Amino acid sequence: MPLNLSNSAALGRTYAAARMMAGLDQATLADRAGISAGTVSNVERGRDSKADTLKAIRRALSQEGVLIAFSRNNGLASVSIAFASDDEEDD
């Protein structure tokens, strides 16, 4: 059963989940994205969805191996973690 959230609230929760999966606090993510911690907080509360802001956050998260994807077809968002396979850890 889908959550009863507005699109902006759902977007915010997606970004908050991604940040937590990356193991970052808001201040660290903000620093890596080149924005303020207040802006990260606003995004996570669904109060800021400027394209440039979201792109900067996604770029910073991807450098940590966390990816956010959205489907225009069904409105679903996904957050995934890229990690080294067992073979790559030995290098």
PDB file of N, CA and C in Angstrom:
ATOM      1  N   MET A   1       0.838  -1.168   0.000  1.00  0.00           N
ATOM      2  CA  MET A   1       0.000   0.000   0.000  1.00  0.00           C
ATOM      3  C   MET A   1       0.891   1.241   0.000  1.00  0.00           C
ATOM      4  N   PRO A   2       0.670   2.166  -0.929  1.00  0.00           N
ATOM      5  CA  PRO A   2       1.515   3.365  -1.003  1.00  0.00           C
ATOM      6  C   PRO A   2       1.306   4.280   0.200  1.00  0.00           C
ATOM      7  N   LEU A   3       2.358   5.001   0.546  1.00  0.00           N
ATOM      8  CA  LEU A   3       2.257   5.993   1.619  1.00  0.00           C
ATOM      9  C   LEU A   3       1.399   7.156   1.159  1.00  0.00           C
ATOM     10  N   ASN A   4       0.736   7.772   2.081  1.00  0.00           N
ATOM     11  CA  ASN A   4      -0.092   8.928   1.762  1.00  0.00           C
ATOM     12  C   ASN A   4       0.748  10.191   1.938  1.00  0.00           C
ATOM     13  N   LEU A   5       1.619  10.446   0.956  1.00  0.00           N
ATOM     14  CA  LEU A   5       2.529  11.591   0.997  1.00  0.00           C
ATOM     15  C   LEU A   5       2.350  12.433  -0.253  1.00  0.00           C
ATOM     16  N   SER A   6       2.577  13.718  -0.093  1.00  0.00           N
ATOM     17  CA  SER A   6       2.629  14.570  -1.279  1.00  0.00           C
ATOM     18  C   SER A   6       3.900  14.229  -2.054  1.00  0.00           C
ATOM     19  N   ASN A   7       3.960  14.617  -3.313  1.00  0.00           N
ATOM     20  CA  ASN A   7       5.161  14.370  -4.108  1.00  0.00           C
ATOM     21  C   ASN A   7       6.384  15.020  -3.477  1.00  0.00           C
ATOM     22  N   SER A   8       6.241  16.233  -2.960  1.00  0.00           N
ATOM     23  CA  SER A   8       7.394  16.920  -2.378  1.00  0.00           C
ATOM     24  C   SER A   8       7.857  16.234  -1.098  1.00  0.00           C
ATOM     25  N   ALA A   9       6.921  15.743  -0.285  1.00  0.00           N
ATOM     26  CA  ALA A   9       7.307  15.022   0.933  1.00  0.00           C
ATOM     27  C   ALA A   9       7.995  13.706   0.589  1.00  0.00           C
ATOM     28  N   ALA A  10       7.478  13.004  -0.418  1.00  0.00           N
ATOM     29  CA  ALA A  10       8.094  11.743  -0.842  1.00  0.00           C
ATOM     30  C   ALA A  10       9.497  11.984  -1.388  1.00  0.00           C
ATOM     31  N   LEU A  11       9.659  13.049  -2.168  1.00  0.00           N
ATOM     32  CA  LEU A  11      10.971  13.400  -2.697  1.00  0.00           C
ATOM     33  C   LEU A  11      11.947  13.665  -1.549  1.00  0.00           C
ATOM     34  N   GLY A  12      11.500  14.420  -0.574  1.00  0.00           N
ATOM     35  CA  GLY A  12      12.344  14.728   0.576  1.00  0.00           C
ATOM     36  C   GLY A  12      12.773  13.487   1.331  1.00  0.00           C
ATOM     37  N   ARG A  13      11.841  12.575   1.547  1.00  0.00           N
ATOM     38  CA  ARG A  13      12.183  11.337   2.258  1.00  0.00           C
ATOM     39  C   ARG A  13      13.164  10.493   1.463  1.00  0.00           C
ATOM     40  N   THR A  14      13.044  10.520   0.160  1.00  0.00           N
ATOM     41  CA  THR A  14      13.977   9.779  -0.690  1.00  0.00           C
ATOM     42  C   THR A  14      15.392  10.307  -0.513  1.00  0.00           C
ATOM     43  N   TYR A  15      15.539  11.625  -0.538  1.00  0.00           N
ATOM     44  CA  TYR A  15      16.866  12.215  -0.362  1.00  0.00           C
ATOM     45  C   TYR A  15      17.400  11.978   1.049  1.00  0.00           C
ATOM     46  N   ALA A  16      16.539  12.021   2.053  1.00  0.00           N
ATOM     47  CA  ALA A  16      16.980  11.752   3.427  1.00  0.00           C
ATOM     48  C   ALA A  16      17.456  10.300   3.561  1.00  0.00           C
ATOM     49  N   ALA A  17      16.710   9.381   2.970  1.00  0.00           N
ATOM     50  CA  ALA A  17      17.096   7.963   3.024  1.00  0.00           C
ATOM     51  C   ALA A  17      18.438   7.747   2.334  1.00  0.00           C
ATOM     52  N   ALA A  18      18.616   8.379   1.192  1.00  0.00           N
ATOM     53  CA  ALA A  18      19.874   8.236   0.466  1.00  0.00           C
ATOM     54  C   ALA A  18      21.045   8.773   1.292  1.00  0.00           C
ATOM     55  N   ARG A  19      20.851   9.919   1.926  1.00  0.00           N
ATOM     56  CA  ARG A  19      21.917  10.494   2.754  1.00  0.00           C
ATOM     57  C   ARG A  19      22.277   9.546   3.889  1.00  0.00           C
ATOM     58  N   MET A  20      21.265   8.989   4.540  1.00  0.00           N
ATOM     59  CA  MET A  20      21.529   8.071   5.652  1.00  0.00           C
ATOM     60  C   MET A  20      22.214   6.798   5.169  1.00  0.00           C
ATOM     61  N   MET A  21      21.819   6.304   3.989  1.00  0.00           N
ATOM     62  CA  MET A  21      22.479   5.117   3.437  1.00  0.00           C
ATOM     63  C   MET A  21      23.945   5.395   3.148  1.00  0.00           C
ATOM     64  N   ALA A  22      24.266   6.644   2.810  1.00  0.00           N
ATOM     65  CA  ALA A  22      25.652   7.019   2.550  1.00  0.00           C
ATOM     66  C   ALA A  22      26.431   7.228   3.848  1.00  0.00           C
ATOM     67  N   GLY A  23      25.734   7.241   4.969  1.00  0.00           N
ATOM     68  CA  GLY A  23      26.398   7.422   6.261  1.00  0.00           C
ATOM     69  C   GLY A  23      26.826   8.859   6.507  1.00  0.00           C
ATOM     70  N   LEU A  24      26.109   9.802   5.915  1.00  0.00           N
ATOM     71  CA  LEU A  24      26.470  11.215   6.049  1.00  0.00           C
ATOM     72  C   LEU A  24      25.442  11.959   6.888  1.00  0.00           C
ATOM     73  N   ASP A  25      25.902  12.948   7.634  1.00  0.00           N
ATOM     74  CA  ASP A  25      24.951  13.844   8.273  1.00  0.00           C
ATOM     75  C   ASP A  25      24.664  14.988   7.297  1.00  0.00           C
ATOM     76  N   GLN A  26      23.678  15.812   7.622  1.00  0.00           N
ATOM     77  CA  GLN A  26      23.281  16.875   6.700  1.00  0.00           C
ATOM     78  C   GLN A  26      24.426  17.851   6.431  1.00  0.00           C
ATOM     79  N   ALA A  27      25.195  18.187   7.453  1.00  0.00           N
ATOM     80  CA  ALA A  27      26.282  19.154   7.273  1.00  0.00           C
ATOM     81  C   ALA A  27      27.355  18.625   6.332  1.00  0.00           C
ATOM     82  N   THR A  28      27.705  17.358   6.465  1.00  0.00           N
ATOM     83  CA  THR A  28      28.734  16.767   5.602  1.00  0.00           C
ATOM     84  C   THR A  28      28.247  16.683   4.164  1.00  0.00           C
ATOM     85  N   LEU A  29      26.996  16.253   3.976  1.00  0.00           N
ATOM     86  CA  LEU A  29      26.447  16.196   2.624  1.00  0.00           C
ATOM     87  C   LEU A  29      26.416  17.594   2.017  1.00  0.00           C
ATOM     88  N   ALA A  30      25.999  18.573   2.796  1.00  0.00           N
ATOM     89  CA  ALA A  30      25.940  19.950   2.310  1.00  0.00           C
ATOM     90  C   ALA A  30      27.308  20.418   1.847  1.00  0.00           C
ATOM     91  N   ASP A  31      28.328  20.143   2.652  1.00  0.00           N
ATOM     92  CA  ASP A  31      29.692  20.548   2.300  1.00  0.00           C
ATOM     93  C   ASP A  31      30.129  19.897   0.993  1.00  0.00           C
ATOM     94  N   ARG A  32      29.860  18.619   0.851  1.00  0.00           N
ATOM     95  CA  ARG A  32      30.273  17.900  -0.365  1.00  0.00           C
ATOM     96  C   ARG A  32      29.472  18.322  -1.593  1.00  0.00           C
ATOM     97  N   ALA A  33      28.241  18.798  -1.368  1.00  0.00           N
ATOM     98  CA  ALA A  33      27.396  19.232  -2.484  1.00  0.00           C
ATOM     99  C   ALA A  33      27.570  20.715  -2.790  1.00  0.00           C
ATOM    100  N   GLY A  34      28.297  21.429  -1.928  1.00  0.00           N
ATOM    101  CA  GLY A  34      28.512  22.852  -2.154  1.00  0.00           C
ATOM    102  C   GLY A  34      27.285  23.708  -1.862  1.00  0.00           C
ATOM    103  N   ILE A  35      26.466  23.254  -0.917  1.00  0.00           N
ATOM    104  CA  ILE A  35      25.274  23.995  -0.519  1.00  0.00           C
ATOM    105  C   ILE A  35      25.252  24.090   1.004  1.00  0.00           C
ATOM    106  N   SER A  36      24.276  24.777   1.558  1.00  0.00           N
ATOM    107  CA  SER A  36      24.205  24.909   3.010  1.00  0.00           C
ATOM    108  C   SER A  36      23.480  23.723   3.636  1.00  0.00           C
ATOM    109  N   ALA A  37      23.751  23.487   4.911  1.00  0.00           N
ATOM    110  CA  ALA A  37      23.064  22.423   5.647  1.00  0.00           C
ATOM    111  C   ALA A  37      21.569  22.732   5.727  1.00  0.00           C
ATOM    112  N   GLY A  38      21.222  24.003   5.807  1.00  0.00           N
ATOM    113  CA  GLY A  38      19.810  24.387   5.814  1.00  0.00           C
ATOM    114  C   GLY A  38      19.111  23.999   4.532  1.00  0.00           C
ATOM    115  N   THR A  39      19.824  24.099   3.418  1.00  0.00           N
ATOM    116  CA  THR A  39      19.246  23.701   2.132  1.00  0.00           C
ATOM    117  C   THR A  39      19.006  22.194   2.101  1.00  0.00           C
ATOM    118  N   VAL A  40      19.956  21.414   2.609  1.00  0.00           N
ATOM    119  CA  VAL A  40      19.767  19.962   2.675  1.00  0.00           C
ATOM    120  C   VAL A  40      18.548  19.654   3.542  1.00  0.00           C
ATOM    121  N   SER A  41      18.439  20.309   4.672  1.00  0.00           N
ATOM    122  CA  SER A  41      17.291  20.111   5.550  1.00  0.00           C
ATOM    123  C   SER A  41      15.988  20.445   4.829  1.00  0.00           C
ATOM    124  N   ASN A  42      15.976  21.553   4.105  1.00  0.00           N
ATOM    125  CA  ASN A  42      14.773  21.933   3.359  1.00  0.00           C
ATOM    126  C   ASN A  42      14.404  20.891   2.308  1.00  0.00           C
ATOM    127  N   VAL A  43      15.402  20.382   1.600  1.00  0.00           N
ATOM    128  CA  VAL A  43      15.147  19.339   0.593  1.00  0.00           C
ATOM    129  C   VAL A  43      14.514  18.124   1.268  1.00  0.00           C
ATOM    130  N   GLU A  44      15.094  17.702   2.379  1.00  0.00           N
ATOM    131  CA  GLU A  44      14.614  16.505   3.058  1.00  0.00           C
ATOM    132  C   GLU A  44      13.221  16.688   3.655  1.00  0.00           C
ATOM    133  N   ARG A  45      12.814  17.917   3.890  1.00  0.00           N
ATOM    134  CA  ARG A  45      11.463  18.191   4.387  1.00  0.00           C
ATOM    135  C   ARG A  45      10.500  18.507   3.247  1.00  0.00           C
ATOM    136  N   GLY A  46      10.978  18.393   2.014  1.00  0.00           N
ATOM    137  CA  GLY A  46      10.125  18.624   0.861  1.00  0.00           C
ATOM    138  C   GLY A  46       9.865  20.082   0.572  1.00  0.00           C
ATOM    139  N   ARG A  47      10.748  20.953   1.044  1.00  0.00           N
ATOM    140  CA  ARG A  47      10.551  22.391   0.881  1.00  0.00           C
ATOM    141  C   ARG A  47      11.456  23.032  -0.158  1.00  0.00           C
ATOM    142  N   ASP A  48      12.320  22.270  -0.772  1.00  0.00           N
ATOM    143  CA  ASP A  48      13.203  22.813  -1.808  1.00  0.00           C
ATOM    144  C   ASP A  48      13.443  21.719  -2.825  1.00  0.00           C
ATOM    145  N   SER A  49      13.068  21.971  -4.042  1.00  0.00           N
ATOM    146  CA  SER A  49      13.293  20.967  -5.082  1.00  0.00           C
ATOM    147  C   SER A  49      13.825  21.615  -6.357  1.00  0.00           C
ATOM    148  N   LYS A  50      14.682  22.604  -6.177  1.00  0.00           N
ATOM    149  CA  LYS A  50      15.306  23.239  -7.342  1.00  0.00           C
ATOM    150  C   LYS A  50      16.208  22.230  -8.030  1.00  0.00           C
ATOM    151  N   ALA A  51      16.125  22.199  -9.338  1.00  0.00           N
ATOM    152  CA  ALA A  51      16.862  21.197 -10.120  1.00  0.00           C
ATOM    153  C   ALA A  51      18.366  21.228  -9.837  1.00  0.00           C
ATOM    154  N   ASP A  52      18.960  22.420  -9.769  1.00  0.00           N
ATOM    155  CA  ASP A  52      20.402  22.515  -9.521  1.00  0.00           C
ATOM    156  C   ASP A  52      20.773  21.990  -8.135  1.00  0.00           C
ATOM    157  N   THR A  53      19.927  22.257  -7.154  1.00  0.00           N
ATOM    158  CA  THR A  53      20.173  21.781  -5.792  1.00  0.00           C
ATOM    159  C   THR A  53      20.124  20.263  -5.747  1.00  0.00           C
ATOM    160  N   LEU A  54      19.086  19.684  -6.332  1.00  0.00           N
ATOM    161  CA  LEU A  54      18.942  18.231  -6.316  1.00  0.00           C
ATOM    162  C   LEU A  54      20.073  17.555  -7.076  1.00  0.00           C
ATOM    163  N   LYS A  55      20.492  18.151  -8.173  1.00  0.00           N
ATOM    164  CA  LYS A  55      21.596  17.594  -8.956  1.00  0.00           C
ATOM    165  C   LYS A  55      22.890  17.605  -8.138  1.00  0.00           C
ATOM    166  N   ALA A  56      23.147  18.688  -7.414  1.00  0.00           N
ATOM    167  CA  ALA A  56      24.356  18.774  -6.581  1.00  0.00           C
ATOM    168  C   ALA A  56      24.337  17.708  -5.484  1.00  0.00           C
ATOM    169  N   ILE A  57      23.173  17.494  -4.898  1.00  0.00           N
ATOM    170  CA  ILE A  57      23.061  16.473  -3.849  1.00  0.00           C
ATOM    171  C   ILE A  57      23.258  15.084  -4.449  1.00  0.00           C
ATOM    172  N   ARG A  58      22.610  14.810  -5.575  1.00  0.00           N
ATOM    173  CA  ARG A  58      22.782  13.488  -6.215  1.00  0.00           C
ATOM    174  C   ARG A  58      24.236  13.236  -6.600  1.00  0.00           C
ATOM    175  N   ARG A  59      24.912  14.264  -7.077  1.00  0.00           N
ATOM    176  CA  ARG A  59      26.326  14.121  -7.449  1.00  0.00           C
ATOM    177  C   ARG A  59      27.166  13.769  -6.213  1.00  0.00           C
ATOM    178  N   ALA A  60      26.940  14.474  -5.112  1.00  0.00           N
ATOM    179  CA  ALA A  60      27.693  14.201  -3.882  1.00  0.00           C
ATOM    180  C   ALA A  60      27.395  12.797  -3.362  1.00  0.00           C
ATOM    181  N   LEU A  61      26.142  12.388  -3.419  1.00  0.00           N
ATOM    182  CA  LEU A  61      25.779  11.041  -2.959  1.00  0.00           C
ATOM    183  C   LEU A  61      26.387   9.967  -3.853  1.00  0.00           C
ATOM    184  N   SER A  62      26.409  10.213  -5.158  1.00  0.00           N
ATOM    185  CA  SER A  62      26.965   9.205  -6.067  1.00  0.00           C
ATOM    186  C   SER A  62      28.454   8.995  -5.820  1.00  0.00           C
ATOM    187  N   GLN A  63      29.143  10.035  -5.369  1.00  0.00           N
ATOM    188  CA  GLN A  63      30.568   9.889  -5.026  1.00  0.00           C
ATOM    189  C   GLN A  63      30.750   8.988  -3.805  1.00  0.00           C
ATOM    190  N   GLU A  64      29.680   8.818  -3.031  1.00  0.00           N
ATOM    191  CA  GLU A  64      29.702   7.915  -1.880  1.00  0.00           C
ATOM    192  C   GLU A  64      29.160   6.534  -2.240  1.00  0.00           C
ATOM    193  N   GLY A  65      28.774   6.356  -3.506  1.00  0.00           N
ATOM    194  CA  GLY A  65      28.263   5.061  -3.955  1.00  0.00           C
ATOM    195  C   GLY A  65      26.771   4.885  -3.747  1.00  0.00           C
ATOM    196  N   VAL A  66      26.054   5.977  -3.498  1.00  0.00           N
ATOM    197  CA  VAL A  66      24.605   5.909  -3.308  1.00  0.00           C
ATOM    198  C   VAL A  66      23.940   6.611  -4.480  1.00  0.00           C
ATOM    199  N   LEU A  67      23.038   5.905  -5.142  1.00  0.00           N
ATOM    200  CA  LEU A  67      22.382   6.431  -6.332  1.00  0.00           C
ATOM    201  C   LEU A  67      20.885   6.554  -6.103  1.00  0.00           C
ATOM    202  N   ILE A  68      20.302   7.628  -6.627  1.00  0.00           N
ATOM    203  CA  ILE A  68      18.859   7.847  -6.573  1.00  0.00           C
ATOM    204  C   ILE A  68      18.340   7.793  -7.999  1.00  0.00           C
ATOM    205  N   ALA A  69      17.266   7.041  -8.200  1.00  0.00           N
ATOM    206  CA  ALA A  69      16.659   6.952  -9.521  1.00  0.00           C
ATOM    207  C   ALA A  69      15.153   7.151  -9.391  1.00  0.00           C
ATOM    208  N   PHE A  70      14.580   7.817 -10.380  1.00  0.00           N
ATOM    209  CA  PHE A  70      13.145   8.059 -10.406  1.00  0.00           C
ATOM    210  C   PHE A  70      12.589   7.526 -11.712  1.00  0.00           C
ATOM    211  N   SER A  71      11.411   6.923 -11.639  1.00  0.00           N
ATOM    212  CA  SER A  71      10.735   6.438 -12.835  1.00  0.00           C
ATOM    213  C   SER A  71       9.611   7.397 -13.189  1.00  0.00           C
ATOM    214  N   ARG A  72       9.678   7.940 -14.372  1.00  0.00           N
ATOM    215  CA  ARG A  72       8.595   8.820 -14.830  1.00  0.00           C
ATOM    216  C   ARG A  72       7.353   8.014 -15.199  1.00  0.00           C
ATOM    217  N   ASN A  73       7.533   6.721 -15.459  1.00  0.00           N
ATOM    218  CA  ASN A  73       6.408   5.884 -15.878  1.00  0.00           C
ATOM    219  C   ASN A  73       5.448   5.567 -14.739  1.00  0.00           C
ATOM    220  N   ASN A  74       6.006   5.238 -13.565  1.00  0.00           N
ATOM    221  CA  ASN A  74       5.142   4.800 -12.473  1.00  0.00           C
ATOM    222  C   ASN A  74       5.282   5.627 -11.199  1.00  0.00           C
ATOM    223  N   GLY A  75       6.109   6.652 -11.217  1.00  0.00           N
ATOM    224  CA  GLY A  75       6.245   7.513 -10.057  1.00  0.00           C
ATOM    225  C   GLY A  75       7.031   6.921  -8.905  1.00  0.00           C
ATOM    226  N   LEU A  76       7.757   5.844  -9.159  1.00  0.00           N
ATOM    227  CA  LEU A  76       8.534   5.222  -8.093  1.00  0.00           C
ATOM    228  C   LEU A  76       9.941   5.799  -8.028  1.00  0.00           C
ATOM    229  N   ALA A  77      10.455   5.879  -6.812  1.00  0.00           N
ATOM    230  CA  ALA A  77      11.839   6.298  -6.592  1.00  0.00           C
ATOM    231  C   ALA A  77      12.581   5.113  -5.991  1.00  0.00           C
ATOM    232  N   SER A  78      13.865   5.011  -6.307  1.00  0.00           N
ATOM    233  CA  SER A  78      14.680   3.964  -5.692  1.00  0.00           C
ATOM    234  C   SER A  78      16.020   4.550  -5.282  1.00  0.00           C
ATOM    235  N   VAL A  79      16.537   4.008  -4.202  1.00  0.00           N
ATOM    236  CA  VAL A  79      17.854   4.388  -3.707  1.00  0.00           C
ATOM    237  C   VAL A  79      18.668   3.110  -3.667  1.00  0.00           C
ATOM    238  N   SER A  80      19.854   3.126  -4.259  1.00  0.00           N
ATOM    239  CA  SER A  80      20.682   1.929  -4.293  1.00  0.00           C
ATOM    240  C   SER A  80      22.103   2.256  -3.864  1.00  0.00           C
ATOM    241  N   ILE A  81      22.774   1.225  -3.380  1.00  0.00           N
ATOM    242  CA  ILE A  81      24.151   1.361  -2.919  1.00  0.00           C
ATOM    243  C   ILE A  81      25.046   0.557  -3.843  1.00  0.00           C
ATOM    244  N   ALA A  82      26.107   1.180  -4.329  1.00  0.00           N
ATOM    245  CA  ALA A  82      27.122   0.476  -5.103  1.00  0.00           C
ATOM    246  C   ALA A  82      28.251   0.113  -4.141  1.00  0.00           C
ATOM    247  N   PHE A  83      28.630  -1.128  -4.128  1.00  0.00           N
ATOM    248  CA  PHE A  83      29.723  -1.535  -3.246  1.00  0.00           C
ATOM    249  C   PHE A  83      30.609  -2.530  -3.963  1.00  0.00           C
ATOM    250  N   ALA A  84      31.806  -2.673  -3.447  1.00  0.00           N
ATOM    251  CA  ALA A  84      32.789  -3.551  -4.075  1.00  0.00           C
ATOM    252  C   ALA A  84      32.379  -5.008  -3.896  1.00  0.00           C
ATOM    253  N   SER A  85      32.613  -5.803  -4.929  1.00  0.00           N
ATOM    254  CA  SER A  85      32.378  -7.238  -4.790  1.00  0.00           C
ATOM    255  C   SER A  85      33.509  -7.816  -3.955  1.00  0.00           C
ATOM    256  N   ASP A  86      33.345  -9.053  -3.524  1.00  0.00           N
ATOM    257  CA  ASP A  86      34.376  -9.704  -2.722  1.00  0.00           C
ATOM    258  C   ASP A  86      35.716  -9.710  -3.448  1.00  0.00           C
ATOM    259  N   ASP A  87      35.709  -9.881  -4.779  1.00  0.00           N
ATOM    260  CA  ASP A  87      36.939  -9.920  -5.549  1.00  0.00           C
ATOM    261  C   ASP A  87      37.639  -8.578  -5.540  1.00  0.00           C
ATOM    262  N   GLU A  88      36.875  -7.494  -5.587  1.00  0.00           N
ATOM    263  CA  GLU A  88      37.469  -6.154  -5.661  1.00  0.00           C
ATOM    264  C   GLU A  88      38.059  -5.721  -4.323  1.00  0.00           C
ATOM    265  N   GLU A  89      37.576  -6.253  -3.205  1.00  0.00           N
ATOM    266  CA  GLU A  89      38.079  -5.868  -1.898  1.00  0.00           C
ATOM    267  C   GLU A  89      39.513  -6.322  -1.677  1.00  0.00           C
ATOM    268  N   ASP A  90      39.957  -7.348  -2.396  1.00  0.00           N
ATOM    269  CA  ASP A  90      41.309  -7.867  -2.210  1.00  0.00           C
ATOM    270  C   ASP A  90      42.370  -6.980  -2.881  1.00  0.00           C
ATOM    271  N   ASP A  91      41.948  -6.111  -3.788  1.00  0.00           N
ATOM    272  CA  ASP A  91      42.910  -5.283  -4.531  1.00  0.00           C
ATOM    273  C   ASP A  91      43.567  -4.252  -3.644  1.00  0.00           C
TER     274      ASP A  91
END
